[in-house]
Amino acid sequence: MVQRFEGRVAVITGGSSGIGLATARRLASEGAKVVIGDISAETGKAAADEVGGLFVQADVTDADQVEALFQTTVDTFGSVDVAFNNAGISPPEDDSILTTGIDAWEKVQKVNLTSVYLCCKAVLPHMQRQGKGSIINTASFVAVMGAATSQISYTASKGGVLAMSRELGVQFARENIRVNALCPGPVNTPLLKELFAKDPERAARRLVHVPVGRFAEPEEIAAAVAFLASDDASFITASQFLVDGGISGAYVTPL
């Protein structure tokens, strides 16, 4: 494996499972020192131990804990070269706007959007001092499309992540700090399995719209994160980086 991240430090929120864990493995395999920020001490520490990294317990909706996550990283390793702000939720009570209550709306916004704001706000001063850095924020293909089977707060939160990432990418471009929004299609993660195992018809309804004919594997999304985080993407910032199996480009999919 090419060592694109030798001597570099990457912080991954939501790094104990799914896309986050796959990315931790990928970046570590390319030489990165990985810091896992996660609310779960048990799975977060296990993920960090697996990749020879550091675990910092953090609730990403808490500004002080987010500040501590990045400060601990700098105190331990000297820098934060990559911030993959990936933590997110998609609870079943987030559904049609007609049935989604305000509590569910606010919970999803806080975890999916406010946490990304807090992470960017905390890490940017460190990257400014270094004179470089790459931030990748997890948005979604639903940030650029609409769905009749709505998860209204999730969709809105990811649209917010996309817009915020674009703005930050422009604002900090001349400080050698790149900010991009990763927009995955449906990914074969524990979260997706939990959602769709309860409703196979809902899963089938989505799968028929994927030109590739399957959901993504976490490792495929991790490869995209590794690209965006690396110098190979040195001229890419303020972008919506779609890794969606062709969904957003499709009008009619193959039979």
C-alpha atoms as a PDB file:
ATOM      1  CA  MET A   1       0.000   0.000   0.000  1.00  0.00           C
ATOM      2  CA  VAL A   2       1.265   3.465  -0.904  1.00  0.00           C
ATOM      3  CA  GLN A   3       2.094   5.434   2.249  1.00  0.00           C
ATOM      4  CA  ARG A   4       0.378   8.723   1.387  1.00  0.00           C
ATOM      5  CA  PHE A   5      -0.197   9.574   5.059  1.00  0.00           C
ATOM      6  CA  GLU A   6       3.190   8.772   6.556  1.00  0.00           C
ATOM      7  CA  GLY A   7       3.788  11.277   9.358  1.00  0.00           C
ATOM      8  CA  ARG A   8       0.232  12.635   9.189  1.00  0.00           C
ATOM      9  CA  VAL A   9      -2.507  12.596  11.785  1.00  0.00           C
ATOM     10  CA  ALA A  10      -6.182  11.943  11.047  1.00  0.00           C
ATOM     11  CA  VAL A  11      -9.149  12.452  13.367  1.00  0.00           C
ATOM     12  CA  ILE A  12     -12.260  10.436  12.552  1.00  0.00           C
ATOM     13  CA  THR A  13     -15.557  11.001  14.339  1.00  0.00           C
ATOM     14  CA  GLY A  14     -17.994   8.111  14.383  1.00  0.00           C
ATOM     15  CA  GLY A  15     -14.935   5.972  13.783  1.00  0.00           C
ATOM     16  CA  SER A  16     -15.996   2.833  15.613  1.00  0.00           C
ATOM     17  CA  SER A  17     -18.154   1.313  12.869  1.00  0.00           C
ATOM     18  CA  GLY A  18     -19.290   1.533   9.258  1.00  0.00           C
ATOM     19  CA  ILE A  19     -17.646   4.140   7.050  1.00  0.00           C
ATOM     20  CA  GLY A  20     -15.667   5.581   9.957  1.00  0.00           C
ATOM     21  CA  LEU A  21     -14.056   2.277  10.900  1.00  0.00           C
ATOM     22  CA  ALA A  22     -13.321   1.384   7.283  1.00  0.00           C
ATOM     23  CA  THR A  23     -11.669   4.778   6.854  1.00  0.00           C
ATOM     24  CA  ALA A  24      -9.613   4.347  10.019  1.00  0.00           C
ATOM     25  CA  ARG A  25      -8.308   1.065   8.640  1.00  0.00           C
ATOM     26  CA  ARG A  26      -7.574   2.580   5.225  1.00  0.00           C
ATOM     27  CA  LEU A  27      -5.747   5.653   6.498  1.00  0.00           C
ATOM     28  CA  ALA A  28      -3.757   3.627   9.023  1.00  0.00           C
ATOM     29  CA  SER A  29      -2.746   1.210   6.271  1.00  0.00           C
ATOM     30  CA  GLU A  30      -1.328   4.203   4.383  1.00  0.00           C
ATOM     31  CA  GLY A  31       0.733   5.351   7.350  1.00  0.00           C
ATOM     32  CA  ALA A  32      -1.562   7.746   9.243  1.00  0.00           C
ATOM     33  CA  LYS A  33      -1.718   8.092  12.988  1.00  0.00           C
ATOM     34  CA  VAL A  34      -5.450   7.748  13.589  1.00  0.00           C
ATOM     35  CA  VAL A  35      -7.504   9.274  16.387  1.00  0.00           C
ATOM     36  CA  ILE A  36     -10.983   7.848  16.867  1.00  0.00           C
ATOM     37  CA  GLY A  37     -13.537  10.219  18.342  1.00  0.00           C
ATOM     38  CA  ASP A  38     -16.679   8.356  19.357  1.00  0.00           C
ATOM     39  CA  ILE A  39     -19.345   8.437  22.024  1.00  0.00           C
ATOM     40  CA  SER A  40     -19.001   4.684  22.643  1.00  0.00           C
ATOM     41  CA  ALA A  41     -15.984   3.899  24.834  1.00  0.00           C
ATOM     42  CA  GLU A  42     -16.086   0.165  24.188  1.00  0.00           C
ATOM     43  CA  THR A  43     -16.300   0.123  20.392  1.00  0.00           C
ATOM     44  CA  GLY A  44     -14.278   3.314  20.008  1.00  0.00           C
ATOM     45  CA  LYS A  45     -11.331   1.957  21.977  1.00  0.00           C
ATOM     46  CA  ALA A  46     -11.506  -1.354  20.115  1.00  0.00           C
ATOM     47  CA  ALA A  47     -11.348   0.480  16.780  1.00  0.00           C
ATOM     48  CA  ALA A  48      -8.406   2.616  17.905  1.00  0.00           C
ATOM     49  CA  ASP A  49      -6.552  -0.402  19.246  1.00  0.00           C
ATOM     50  CA  GLU A  50      -7.093  -2.268  15.977  1.00  0.00           C
ATOM     51  CA  VAL A  51      -5.398   0.465  13.940  1.00  0.00           C
ATOM     52  CA  GLY A  52      -2.746   1.300  16.532  1.00  0.00           C
ATOM     53  CA  GLY A  53      -4.315   4.681  17.165  1.00  0.00           C
ATOM     54  CA  LEU A  54      -5.725   6.776  19.973  1.00  0.00           C
ATOM     55  CA  PHE A  55      -9.297   6.809  21.266  1.00  0.00           C
ATOM     56  CA  VAL A  56     -10.841   9.983  22.664  1.00  0.00           C
ATOM     57  CA  GLN A  57     -14.369   9.662  23.969  1.00  0.00           C
ATOM     58  CA  ALA A  58     -16.419  12.545  22.648  1.00  0.00           C
ATOM     59  CA  ASP A  59     -20.034  13.510  22.220  1.00  0.00           C
ATOM     60  CA  VAL A  60     -19.790  15.458  18.962  1.00  0.00           C
ATOM     61  CA  THR A  61     -22.784  17.611  19.911  1.00  0.00           C
ATOM     62  CA  ASP A  62     -20.876  18.993  22.914  1.00  0.00           C
ATOM     63  CA  ALA A  63     -18.599  21.919  22.008  1.00  0.00           C
ATOM     64  CA  ASP A  64     -16.204  21.378  24.934  1.00  0.00           C
ATOM     65  CA  GLN A  65     -15.769  17.686  24.164  1.00  0.00           C
ATOM     66  CA  VAL A  66     -15.156  18.436  20.488  1.00  0.00           C
ATOM     67  CA  GLU A  67     -12.540  21.058  21.407  1.00  0.00           C
ATOM     68  CA  ALA A  68     -10.902  18.511  23.704  1.00  0.00           C
ATOM     69  CA  LEU A  69     -10.860  15.888  20.946  1.00  0.00           C
ATOM     70  CA  PHE A  70      -8.778  18.040  18.620  1.00  0.00           C
ATOM     71  CA  GLN A  71      -6.633  19.560  21.368  1.00  0.00           C
ATOM     72  CA  THR A  72      -5.788  16.100  22.719  1.00  0.00           C
ATOM     73  CA  THR A  73      -4.831  15.059  19.192  1.00  0.00           C
ATOM     74  CA  VAL A  74      -2.467  18.018  18.821  1.00  0.00           C
ATOM     75  CA  ASP A  75      -1.041  17.540  22.317  1.00  0.00           C
ATOM     76  CA  THR A  76      -0.373  13.862  21.588  1.00  0.00           C
ATOM     77  CA  PHE A  77       0.793  13.889  17.976  1.00  0.00           C
ATOM     78  CA  GLY A  78       1.613  17.530  17.222  1.00  0.00           C
ATOM     79  CA  SER A  79      -0.858  18.185  14.413  1.00  0.00           C
ATOM     80  CA  VAL A  80      -4.236  17.474  12.841  1.00  0.00           C
ATOM     81  CA  ASP A  81      -3.689  16.956   9.126  1.00  0.00           C
ATOM     82  CA  VAL A  82      -7.013  15.310   8.297  1.00  0.00           C
ATOM     83  CA  ALA A  83     -10.408  15.755   9.941  1.00  0.00           C
ATOM     84  CA  PHE A  84     -13.071  13.322   8.785  1.00  0.00           C
ATOM     85  CA  ASN A  85     -16.251  14.625  10.397  1.00  0.00           C
ATOM     86  CA  ASN A  86     -18.375  11.575   9.884  1.00  0.00           C
ATOM     87  CA  ALA A  87     -20.575  10.953  12.938  1.00  0.00           C
ATOM     88  CA  GLY A  88     -24.279  10.849  12.161  1.00  0.00           C
ATOM     89  CA  ILE A  89     -27.612   9.203  12.866  1.00  0.00           C
ATOM     90  CA  SER A  90     -30.722   8.227  10.948  1.00  0.00           C
ATOM     91  CA  PRO A  91     -33.399   7.232  13.468  1.00  0.00           C
ATOM     92  CA  PRO A  92     -36.670   5.593  12.379  1.00  0.00           C
ATOM     93  CA  GLU A  93     -38.763   8.399  13.871  1.00  0.00           C
ATOM     94  CA  ASP A  94     -37.320  10.727  11.207  1.00  0.00           C
ATOM     95  CA  ASP A  95     -39.755  10.135   8.351  1.00  0.00           C
ATOM     96  CA  SER A  96     -42.209  12.227   6.361  1.00  0.00           C
ATOM     97  CA  ILE A  97     -42.500  15.862   7.408  1.00  0.00           C
ATOM     98  CA  LEU A  98     -46.159  15.061   8.204  1.00  0.00           C
ATOM     99  CA  THR A  99     -45.214  12.535  10.886  1.00  0.00           C
ATOM    100  CA  THR A 100     -41.785  13.665  12.110  1.00  0.00           C
ATOM    101  CA  GLY A 101     -42.014  15.480  15.430  1.00  0.00           C
ATOM    102  CA  ILE A 102     -39.933  18.486  16.401  1.00  0.00           C
ATOM    103  CA  ASP A 103     -37.894  16.435  18.897  1.00  0.00           C
ATOM    104  CA  ALA A 104     -36.821  13.989  16.187  1.00  0.00           C
ATOM    105  CA  TRP A 105     -36.084  16.878  13.826  1.00  0.00           C
ATOM    106  CA  GLU A 106     -33.861  18.653  16.355  1.00  0.00           C
ATOM    107  CA  LYS A 107     -32.045  15.489  17.442  1.00  0.00           C
ATOM    108  CA  VAL A 108     -30.991  14.671  13.876  1.00  0.00           C
ATOM    109  CA  GLN A 109     -30.000  18.271  13.141  1.00  0.00           C
ATOM    110  CA  LYS A 110     -27.865  18.387  16.273  1.00  0.00           C
ATOM    111  CA  VAL A 111     -25.977  15.161  15.565  1.00  0.00           C
ATOM    112  CA  ASN A 112     -25.689  15.420  11.783  1.00  0.00           C
ATOM    113  CA  LEU A 113     -25.234  19.147  11.187  1.00  0.00           C
ATOM    114  CA  THR A 114     -24.371  20.995  14.393  1.00  0.00           C
ATOM    115  CA  SER A 115     -21.658  18.437  15.173  1.00  0.00           C
ATOM    116  CA  VAL A 116     -19.984  19.122  11.820  1.00  0.00           C
ATOM    117  CA  TYR A 117     -20.121  22.851  12.559  1.00  0.00           C
ATOM    118  CA  LEU A 118     -18.512  22.235  15.951  1.00  0.00           C
ATOM    119  CA  CYS A 119     -15.811  19.968  14.522  1.00  0.00           C
ATOM    120  CA  CYS A 120     -14.905  22.411  11.761  1.00  0.00           C
ATOM    121  CA  LYS A 121     -14.889  25.325  14.192  1.00  0.00           C
ATOM    122  CA  ALA A 122     -12.569  23.428  16.541  1.00  0.00           C
ATOM    123  CA  VAL A 123     -10.111  22.040  14.000  1.00  0.00           C
ATOM    124  CA  LEU A 124      -9.702  25.037  11.701  1.00  0.00           C
ATOM    125  CA  PRO A 125      -7.507  27.088  14.094  1.00  0.00           C
ATOM    126  CA  HIS A 126      -5.115  24.136  14.398  1.00  0.00           C
ATOM    127  CA  MET A 127      -4.927  23.820  10.621  1.00  0.00           C
ATOM    128  CA  GLN A 128      -4.409  27.572  10.270  1.00  0.00           C
ATOM    129  CA  ARG A 129      -1.400  27.390  12.599  1.00  0.00           C
ATOM    130  CA  GLN A 130      -0.014  24.481  10.578  1.00  0.00           C
ATOM    131  CA  GLY A 131      -0.679  26.243   7.295  1.00  0.00           C
ATOM    132  CA  LYS A 132      -2.391  23.172   5.835  1.00  0.00           C
ATOM    133  CA  GLY A 133      -5.105  20.601   6.318  1.00  0.00           C
ATOM    134  CA  SER A 134      -7.877  18.572   4.736  1.00  0.00           C
ATOM    135  CA  ILE A 135     -11.416  18.427   6.118  1.00  0.00           C
ATOM    136  CA  ILE A 136     -13.911  15.919   4.779  1.00  0.00           C
ATOM    137  CA  ASN A 137     -17.490  16.219   6.010  1.00  0.00           C
ATOM    138  CA  THR A 138     -19.933  13.381   5.463  1.00  0.00           C
ATOM    139  CA  ALA A 139     -22.993  14.644   3.612  1.00  0.00           C
ATOM    140  CA  SER A 140     -25.028  12.305   1.384  1.00  0.00           C
ATOM    141  CA  PHE A 141     -26.400  11.867  -2.104  1.00  0.00           C
ATOM    142  CA  VAL A 142     -29.743  12.969  -0.631  1.00  0.00           C
ATOM    143  CA  ALA A 143     -28.206  16.443  -0.301  1.00  0.00           C
ATOM    144  CA  VAL A 144     -28.505  16.773  -4.090  1.00  0.00           C
ATOM    145  CA  MET A 145     -31.705  14.775  -4.731  1.00  0.00           C
ATOM    146  CA  GLY A 146     -35.234  14.439  -3.429  1.00  0.00           C
ATOM    147  CA  ALA A 147     -36.998  11.282  -2.289  1.00  0.00           C
ATOM    148  CA  ALA A 148     -40.672  10.452  -1.951  1.00  0.00           C
ATOM    149  CA  THR A 149     -39.731   8.053   0.875  1.00  0.00           C
ATOM    150  CA  SER A 150     -38.503  10.930   2.983  1.00  0.00           C
ATOM    151  CA  GLN A 151     -36.314  11.167   6.053  1.00  0.00           C
ATOM    152  CA  ILE A 152     -36.914  14.877   6.240  1.00  0.00           C
ATOM    153  CA  SER A 153     -34.489  15.931   8.959  1.00  0.00           C
ATOM    154  CA  TYR A 154     -31.713  13.656   7.704  1.00  0.00           C
ATOM    155  CA  THR A 155     -32.070  15.062   4.186  1.00  0.00           C
ATOM    156  CA  ALA A 156     -32.105  18.637   5.444  1.00  0.00           C
ATOM    157  CA  SER A 157     -29.112  18.056   7.710  1.00  0.00           C
ATOM    158  CA  LYS A 158     -27.034  16.631   4.877  1.00  0.00           C
ATOM    159  CA  GLY A 159     -27.988  19.548   2.648  1.00  0.00           C
ATOM    160  CA  GLY A 160     -26.688  21.798   5.392  1.00  0.00           C
ATOM    161  CA  VAL A 161     -23.418  19.866   5.605  1.00  0.00           C
ATOM    162  CA  LEU A 162     -22.980  20.218   1.847  1.00  0.00           C
ATOM    163  CA  ALA A 163     -23.608  23.967   1.847  1.00  0.00           C
ATOM    164  CA  MET A 164     -21.401  24.572   4.886  1.00  0.00           C
ATOM    165  CA  SER A 165     -18.551  22.519   3.421  1.00  0.00           C
ATOM    166  CA  ARG A 166     -18.725  24.480   0.173  1.00  0.00           C
ATOM    167  CA  GLU A 167     -18.578  27.784   2.033  1.00  0.00           C
ATOM    168  CA  LEU A 168     -15.663  26.722   4.237  1.00  0.00           C
ATOM    169  CA  GLY A 169     -13.819  25.327   1.229  1.00  0.00           C
ATOM    170  CA  VAL A 170     -14.011  28.720  -0.431  1.00  0.00           C
ATOM    171  CA  GLN A 171     -13.245  30.733   2.713  1.00  0.00           C
ATOM    172  CA  PHE A 172     -10.070  28.865   3.659  1.00  0.00           C
ATOM    173  CA  ALA A 173      -8.770  27.888   0.221  1.00  0.00           C
ATOM    174  CA  ARG A 174      -5.921  30.399   0.250  1.00  0.00           C
ATOM    175  CA  GLU A 175      -4.754  29.168   3.629  1.00  0.00           C
ATOM    176  CA  ASN A 176      -4.011  25.766   2.090  1.00  0.00           C
ATOM    177  CA  ILE A 177      -6.948  24.180   3.925  1.00  0.00           C
ATOM    178  CA  ARG A 178      -9.244  22.095   1.766  1.00  0.00           C
ATOM    179  CA  VAL A 179     -12.846  21.343   2.779  1.00  0.00           C
ATOM    180  CA  ASN A 180     -14.966  18.890   0.829  1.00  0.00           C
ATOM    181  CA  ALA A 181     -18.348  17.235   1.301  1.00  0.00           C
ATOM    182  CA  LEU A 182     -18.377  13.488   0.768  1.00  0.00           C
ATOM    183  CA  CYS A 183     -21.749  12.414  -0.647  1.00  0.00           C
ATOM    184  CA  PRO A 184     -22.100   8.626  -0.409  1.00  0.00           C
ATOM    185  CA  GLY A 185     -24.977   6.647  -1.825  1.00  0.00           C
ATOM    186  CA  PRO A 186     -26.529   3.919   0.354  1.00  0.00           C
ATOM    187  CA  VAL A 187     -23.761   1.995   2.085  1.00  0.00           C
ATOM    188  CA  ASN A 188     -23.817  -1.552   3.415  1.00  0.00           C
ATOM    189  CA  THR A 189     -23.289  -0.564   7.057  1.00  0.00           C
ATOM    190  CA  PRO A 190     -24.890  -1.713  10.334  1.00  0.00           C
ATOM    191  CA  LEU A 191     -27.070   1.427  10.261  1.00  0.00           C
ATOM    192  CA  LEU A 192     -28.431   0.689   6.794  1.00  0.00           C
ATOM    193  CA  LYS A 193     -28.956  -2.981   7.633  1.00  0.00           C
ATOM    194  CA  GLU A 194     -30.888  -2.031  10.759  1.00  0.00           C
ATOM    195  CA  LEU A 195     -33.110   0.357   8.805  1.00  0.00           C
ATOM    196  CA  PHE A 196     -33.788  -1.946   5.884  1.00  0.00           C
ATOM    197  CA  ALA A 197     -33.987  -5.255   7.744  1.00  0.00           C
ATOM    198  CA  LYS A 198     -37.178  -3.906   9.269  1.00  0.00           C
ATOM    199  CA  ASP A 199     -38.588  -2.946   5.880  1.00  0.00           C
ATOM    200  CA  PRO A 200     -37.297  -5.020   2.925  1.00  0.00           C
ATOM    201  CA  GLU A 201     -39.755  -3.294   0.593  1.00  0.00           C
ATOM    202  CA  ARG A 202     -38.175   0.045   1.433  1.00  0.00           C
ATOM    203  CA  ALA A 203     -34.732  -1.395   0.683  1.00  0.00           C
ATOM    204  CA  ALA A 204     -35.874  -2.817  -2.654  1.00  0.00           C
ATOM    205  CA  ARG A 205     -37.453   0.474  -3.592  1.00  0.00           C
ATOM    206  CA  ARG A 206     -34.095   2.178  -3.130  1.00  0.00           C
ATOM    207  CA  LEU A 207     -31.927  -0.496  -4.707  1.00  0.00           C
ATOM    208  CA  VAL A 208     -33.804  -0.368  -8.008  1.00  0.00           C
ATOM    209  CA  HIS A 209     -32.526   3.203  -8.476  1.00  0.00           C
ATOM    210  CA  VAL A 210     -28.830   2.296  -8.149  1.00  0.00           C
ATOM    211  CA  PRO A 211     -27.381   1.820 -11.661  1.00  0.00           C
ATOM    212  CA  VAL A 212     -24.555  -0.335 -10.282  1.00  0.00           C
ATOM    213  CA  GLY A 213     -27.229  -2.632  -8.822  1.00  0.00           C
ATOM    214  CA  ARG A 214     -25.986  -2.847  -5.244  1.00  0.00           C
ATOM    215  CA  PHE A 215     -25.224  -0.763  -2.192  1.00  0.00           C
ATOM    216  CA  ALA A 216     -21.687   0.476  -1.617  1.00  0.00           C
ATOM    217  CA  GLU A 217     -19.287  -1.281   0.710  1.00  0.00           C
ATOM    218  CA  PRO A 218     -17.736   0.844   3.489  1.00  0.00           C
ATOM    219  CA  GLU A 219     -14.274   0.213   2.044  1.00  0.00           C
ATOM    220  CA  GLU A 220     -15.312   1.874  -1.216  1.00  0.00           C
ATOM    221  CA  ILE A 221     -16.315   5.029   0.634  1.00  0.00           C
ATOM    222  CA  ALA A 222     -13.117   4.867   2.698  1.00  0.00           C
ATOM    223  CA  ALA A 223     -11.107   4.850  -0.522  1.00  0.00           C
ATOM    224  CA  ALA A 224     -12.813   8.088  -1.558  1.00  0.00           C
ATOM    225  CA  VAL A 225     -12.037   9.650   1.832  1.00  0.00           C
ATOM    226  CA  ALA A 226      -8.398   8.625   1.490  1.00  0.00           C
ATOM    227  CA  PHE A 227      -8.251  10.276  -1.922  1.00  0.00           C
ATOM    228  CA  LEU A 228      -9.828  13.528  -0.720  1.00  0.00           C
ATOM    229  CA  ALA A 229      -7.557  13.604   2.334  1.00  0.00           C
ATOM    230  CA  SER A 230      -4.402  13.031   0.312  1.00  0.00           C
ATOM    231  CA  ASP A 231      -2.208  15.278  -1.810  1.00  0.00           C
ATOM    232  CA  ASP A 232      -3.657  13.493  -4.843  1.00  0.00           C
ATOM    233  CA  ALA A 233      -6.686  15.770  -4.317  1.00  0.00           C
ATOM    234  CA  SER A 234      -4.608  18.932  -3.849  1.00  0.00           C
ATOM    235  CA  PHE A 235      -6.740  20.990  -6.277  1.00  0.00           C
ATOM    236  CA  ILE A 236     -10.084  19.742  -4.981  1.00  0.00           C
ATOM    237  CA  THR A 237     -11.917  21.905  -2.458  1.00  0.00           C
ATOM    238  CA  ALA A 238     -15.473  23.157  -1.878  1.00  0.00           C
ATOM    239  CA  SER A 239     -16.691  20.148  -3.838  1.00  0.00           C
ATOM    240  CA  GLN A 240     -19.647  17.780  -3.522  1.00  0.00           C
ATOM    241  CA  PHE A 241     -17.842  14.490  -4.019  1.00  0.00           C
ATOM    242  CA  LEU A 242     -20.459  11.950  -5.056  1.00  0.00           C
ATOM    243  CA  VAL A 243     -19.727   8.259  -4.509  1.00  0.00           C
ATOM    244  CA  ASP A 244     -23.178   6.938  -5.243  1.00  0.00           C
ATOM    245  CA  GLY A 245     -23.034   4.158  -7.807  1.00  0.00           C
ATOM    246  CA  GLY A 246     -24.542   6.476 -10.406  1.00  0.00           C
ATOM    247  CA  ILE A 247     -27.781   7.266  -8.544  1.00  0.00           C
ATOM    248  CA  SER A 248     -27.608  11.027  -8.982  1.00  0.00           C
ATOM    249  CA  GLY A 249     -26.897  10.659 -12.705  1.00  0.00           C
ATOM    250  CA  ALA A 250     -29.655   8.195 -13.467  1.00  0.00           C
ATOM    251  CA  TYR A 251     -33.012   8.683 -15.163  1.00  0.00           C
ATOM    252  CA  VAL A 252     -33.718   5.034 -15.939  1.00  0.00           C
ATOM    253  CA  THR A 253     -31.590   2.266 -14.453  1.00  0.00           C
ATOM    254  CA  PRO A 254     -30.630  -1.052 -16.093  1.00  0.00           C
ATOM    255  CA  LEU A 255     -32.937  -4.019 -15.677  1.00  0.00           C
END
